[in-house]
Amino acid sequence: MRVLGLCRIEESGALPHLRAGPLALLTADGPAQARLGLCLSAHRALPAFLPFAVRSAPEPGVARSWAAARSSLLLEVLERLRGQSEMILTLSQPERQTAAPVDGRAYLRARLERIEAQHRLGTQLAALAPRALVLRGDRGAARAESALLLPGGEMRAQARSLAAACPSELRLSLSGPWPAFLHGARLCKAADRTGDAASAKESA
């Protein structure tokens, strides 16, 4: 048995789970296919769901201890994500044909140019969507990506606004709505750090 994610105990419904105070720890047995299926079911059925990575989902005892030490913080995270979805923004330059590097110096120059282009695109994307979560991508790719957290009903209007504000010489690709898993992971990491700090203070 593996723990796959967290939700409020009163919202867990018929999904297989273990109780951890006010939190339900969703559980699944079997191969990755079964665990992914439960993740999809949880996303469809729950107002907010915090998944653990399917391949590294913790054992129940470990998850219970972790969640119990951070239950109030995790409840705040779940409330923050209620009714929210993510839109993925990808800003890139139009593709252009370039000659393949013929030696090491040319290769390094081309790679430096791609990294500089990615940095410029990252700055421009941050100006377009300053509230978005920056995503780390391939440093050799001339594009920048971020994830914007929005109520589902605002996504189309926000997409139109972003497309209108994008500089004409650049290409902005938008996709979504996606489950708010990226923001959930970031908020859980913050809860993890806060919980560790609180535990250290109590034991001091």
Protein backbone atom coordinates (compact mmCIF):
# COMPACT_ATOMS: atom_id res chain seq x y z
CA MET A 1 0.00 0.00 0.00
CA ARG A 2 1.22 3.46 -0.88
CA VAL A 3 -0.09 6.90 0.06
CA LEU A 4 -0.82 8.99 -3.03
CA GLY A 5 -2.03 12.30 -1.73
CA LEU A 6 -3.98 14.39 0.72
CA CYS A 7 -7.43 15.86 0.96
CA ARG A 8 -9.82 16.92 3.72
CA ILE A 9 -11.25 13.93 5.56
CA GLU A 10 -14.85 15.08 5.03
CA GLU A 11 -14.28 15.32 1.27
CA SER A 12 -12.63 11.93 0.75
CA GLY A 13 -15.93 10.20 -0.06
CA ALA A 14 -15.55 6.63 -1.36
CA LEU A 15 -11.88 7.02 -2.30
CA PRO A 16 -9.63 4.56 -0.40
CA HIS A 17 -7.92 6.44 2.40
CA LEU A 18 -6.44 6.43 5.88
CA ARG A 19 -7.38 9.04 8.44
CA ALA A 20 -4.73 11.44 9.73
CA GLY A 21 -6.62 13.85 11.95
CA PRO A 22 -8.47 16.30 9.70
CA LEU A 23 -6.69 14.93 6.60
CA ALA A 24 -7.39 11.87 4.48
CA LEU A 25 -4.37 10.03 3.09
CA LEU A 26 -5.41 8.46 -0.21
CA THR A 27 -4.02 4.97 -0.68
CA ALA A 28 -3.60 2.53 -3.55
CA ASP A 29 -2.24 -0.97 -4.02
CA GLY A 30 -0.81 -2.40 -7.17
CA PRO A 31 1.23 -1.09 -10.10
CA ALA A 32 1.74 2.49 -11.24
CA GLN A 33 -1.33 2.21 -13.46
CA ALA A 34 -3.57 1.80 -10.41
CA ARG A 35 -1.91 4.70 -8.61
CA LEU A 36 -2.25 6.99 -11.62
CA GLY A 37 -5.90 5.97 -11.92
CA LEU A 38 -6.52 6.99 -8.32
CA CYS A 39 -4.79 10.33 -8.91
CA LEU A 40 -7.14 11.01 -11.83
CA SER A 41 -10.18 9.99 -9.80
CA ALA A 42 -9.12 12.24 -6.94
CA HIS A 43 -8.61 15.19 -9.27
CA ARG A 44 -12.09 14.73 -10.77
CA ALA A 45 -13.89 14.17 -7.48
CA LEU A 46 -12.20 16.51 -5.00
CA PRO A 47 -12.30 20.32 -4.69
CA ALA A 48 -8.57 20.23 -3.86
CA PHE A 49 -6.10 17.35 -3.85
CA LEU A 50 -2.39 17.32 -3.07
CA PRO A 51 -0.68 14.39 -4.78
CA PHE A 52 2.59 12.78 -3.92
CA ALA A 53 4.72 11.84 -6.94
CA VAL A 54 3.34 8.49 -8.01
CA ARG A 55 6.72 6.79 -8.35
CA SER A 56 7.96 8.01 -4.96
CA ALA A 57 4.68 7.95 -3.02
CA PRO A 58 5.47 7.36 0.68
CA GLU A 59 4.44 4.43 2.83
CA PRO A 60 1.43 5.11 5.12
CA GLY A 61 3.42 5.43 8.34
CA VAL A 62 5.81 7.98 6.87
CA ALA A 63 2.96 9.98 5.31
CA ARG A 64 0.93 10.00 8.54
CA SER A 65 3.86 11.35 10.55
CA TRP A 66 4.63 13.99 7.95
CA ALA A 67 1.00 15.12 7.61
CA ALA A 68 0.33 15.12 11.37
CA ALA A 69 3.24 17.50 11.97
CA ARG A 70 1.91 19.91 9.34
CA SER A 71 -1.86 19.37 9.35
CA SER A 72 -2.85 23.02 9.88
CA LEU A 73 -0.47 24.21 7.18
CA LEU A 74 -1.64 21.52 4.74
CA LEU A 75 -5.27 22.45 5.37
CA GLU A 76 -4.37 26.03 4.43
CA VAL A 77 -2.76 24.77 1.21
CA LEU A 78 -5.85 22.74 0.32
CA GLU A 79 -8.05 25.78 0.93
CA ARG A 80 -5.77 27.94 -1.22
CA LEU A 81 -6.12 25.51 -4.14
CA ARG A 82 -9.88 25.01 -3.88
CA GLY A 83 -11.51 25.77 -7.24
CA GLN A 84 -8.17 26.77 -8.79
CA SER A 85 -6.47 25.44 -11.91
CA GLU A 86 -3.16 26.07 -13.61
CA MET A 87 -2.51 27.55 -17.03
CA ILE A 88 0.92 26.80 -18.50
CA LEU A 89 2.55 29.70 -20.37
CA THR A 90 5.36 29.08 -22.85
CA LEU A 91 7.13 32.05 -24.43
CA SER A 92 9.47 31.40 -27.34
CA GLN A 93 11.09 32.99 -30.34
CA PRO A 94 10.07 32.06 -33.89
CA GLU A 95 12.18 29.14 -35.08
CA ARG A 96 14.99 30.02 -37.42
CA GLN A 97 17.41 27.87 -39.32
CA THR A 98 20.96 27.94 -37.97
CA ALA A 99 24.06 26.19 -39.19
CA ALA A 100 25.29 23.29 -37.10
CA PRO A 101 28.42 24.13 -35.06
CA VAL A 102 31.58 23.03 -36.84
CA ASP A 103 33.91 23.16 -33.83
CA GLY A 104 33.94 23.47 -30.05
CA ARG A 105 34.14 27.24 -30.07
CA ALA A 106 31.11 27.57 -32.35
CA TYR A 107 29.20 25.08 -30.17
CA LEU A 108 29.91 27.06 -27.00
CA ARG A 109 28.93 30.32 -28.69
CA ALA A 110 25.63 28.84 -29.88
CA ARG A 111 24.88 27.45 -26.45
CA LEU A 112 25.63 30.80 -24.81
CA GLU A 113 23.28 32.52 -27.25
CA ARG A 114 20.49 30.06 -26.37
CA ILE A 115 21.00 30.60 -22.64
CA GLU A 116 20.98 34.39 -23.10
CA ALA A 117 17.82 34.13 -25.21
CA GLN A 118 16.18 32.00 -22.53
CA HIS A 119 17.07 34.59 -19.89
CA ARG A 120 15.54 37.40 -21.98
CA LEU A 121 12.40 35.34 -22.56
CA GLY A 122 12.15 34.62 -18.84
CA THR A 123 12.29 38.34 -18.08
CA GLN A 124 9.61 39.08 -20.69
CA LEU A 125 7.37 36.27 -19.45
CA ALA A 126 7.67 37.54 -15.87
CA ALA A 127 6.57 40.96 -17.09
CA LEU A 128 3.55 39.40 -18.85
CA ALA A 129 2.50 37.28 -15.86
CA PRO A 130 4.25 38.48 -12.69
CA ARG A 131 2.14 36.23 -10.42
CA ALA A 132 3.01 33.03 -12.31
CA LEU A 133 5.24 30.31 -10.91
CA VAL A 134 8.48 30.11 -12.91
CA LEU A 135 9.20 26.62 -14.25
CA ARG A 136 12.71 25.39 -14.79
CA GLY A 137 13.25 23.96 -18.22
CA ASP A 138 16.10 22.80 -20.42
CA ARG A 139 18.78 25.49 -20.24
CA GLY A 140 19.64 24.77 -23.86
CA ALA A 141 16.12 25.55 -25.11
CA ALA A 142 15.26 29.10 -26.20
CA ARG A 143 11.96 29.31 -24.35
CA ALA A 144 10.61 30.19 -20.92
CA GLU A 145 7.72 28.61 -19.06
CA SER A 146 5.57 29.44 -16.07
CA ALA A 147 2.34 28.26 -14.43
CA LEU A 148 -0.42 30.70 -13.54
CA LEU A 149 -2.94 29.77 -10.84
CA LEU A 150 -6.48 30.91 -11.68
CA PRO A 151 -10.12 30.16 -10.89
CA GLY A 152 -11.38 27.95 -13.70
CA GLY A 153 -13.92 30.55 -14.83
CA GLU A 154 -11.24 33.20 -15.43
CA MET A 155 -8.95 31.16 -17.66
CA ARG A 156 -10.35 32.10 -21.07
CA ALA A 157 -10.42 35.81 -20.32
CA GLN A 158 -6.89 35.68 -18.93
CA ALA A 159 -5.67 33.78 -21.99
CA ARG A 160 -7.10 36.48 -24.30
CA SER A 161 -5.50 39.22 -22.21
CA LEU A 162 -2.08 37.54 -22.25
CA ALA A 163 -2.23 36.88 -25.98
CA ALA A 164 -3.06 40.54 -26.64
CA ALA A 165 -0.19 41.74 -24.43
CA CYS A 166 2.46 39.44 -25.93
CA PRO A 167 5.05 41.23 -28.09
CA SER A 168 4.38 40.54 -31.77
CA GLU A 169 7.89 39.21 -32.39
CA LEU A 170 7.43 36.42 -29.84
CA ARG A 171 5.20 33.37 -29.64
CA LEU A 172 3.07 32.70 -26.57
CA SER A 173 1.56 29.23 -26.17
CA LEU A 174 -1.08 28.63 -23.50
CA SER A 175 -2.49 25.36 -22.23
CA GLY A 176 -4.91 24.35 -19.51
CA PRO A 177 -6.78 24.13 -17.33
CA TRP A 178 -4.48 21.70 -15.53
CA PRO A 179 -4.72 20.40 -11.97
CA ALA A 180 -2.94 22.78 -9.59
CA PHE A 181 -0.24 20.22 -8.87
CA LEU A 182 2.75 22.52 -9.50
CA HIS A 183 1.52 25.16 -7.08
CA GLY A 184 0.49 22.43 -4.65
CA ALA A 185 4.02 21.02 -4.68
CA ARG A 186 5.50 24.49 -4.07
CA LEU A 187 3.12 25.19 -1.20
CA CYS A 188 3.82 21.76 0.32
CA LYS A 189 7.55 22.45 0.20
CA ALA A 190 6.94 25.70 2.05
CA ALA A 191 4.85 23.79 4.62
CA ASP A 192 7.64 21.23 4.88
CA ARG A 193 10.22 23.91 5.67
CA THR A 194 7.89 25.61 8.15
CA GLY A 195 7.06 22.30 9.81
CA ASP A 196 10.72 21.37 10.15
CA ALA A 197 11.52 24.78 11.61
CA ALA A 198 8.68 24.44 14.14
CA SER A 199 9.82 20.95 15.14
CA ALA A 200 13.36 22.16 15.62
CA LYS A 201 12.17 25.05 17.78
CA GLU A 202 10.06 22.73 19.97
CA SER A 203 12.93 20.31 20.49
CA ALA A 204 15.44 23.05 21.31
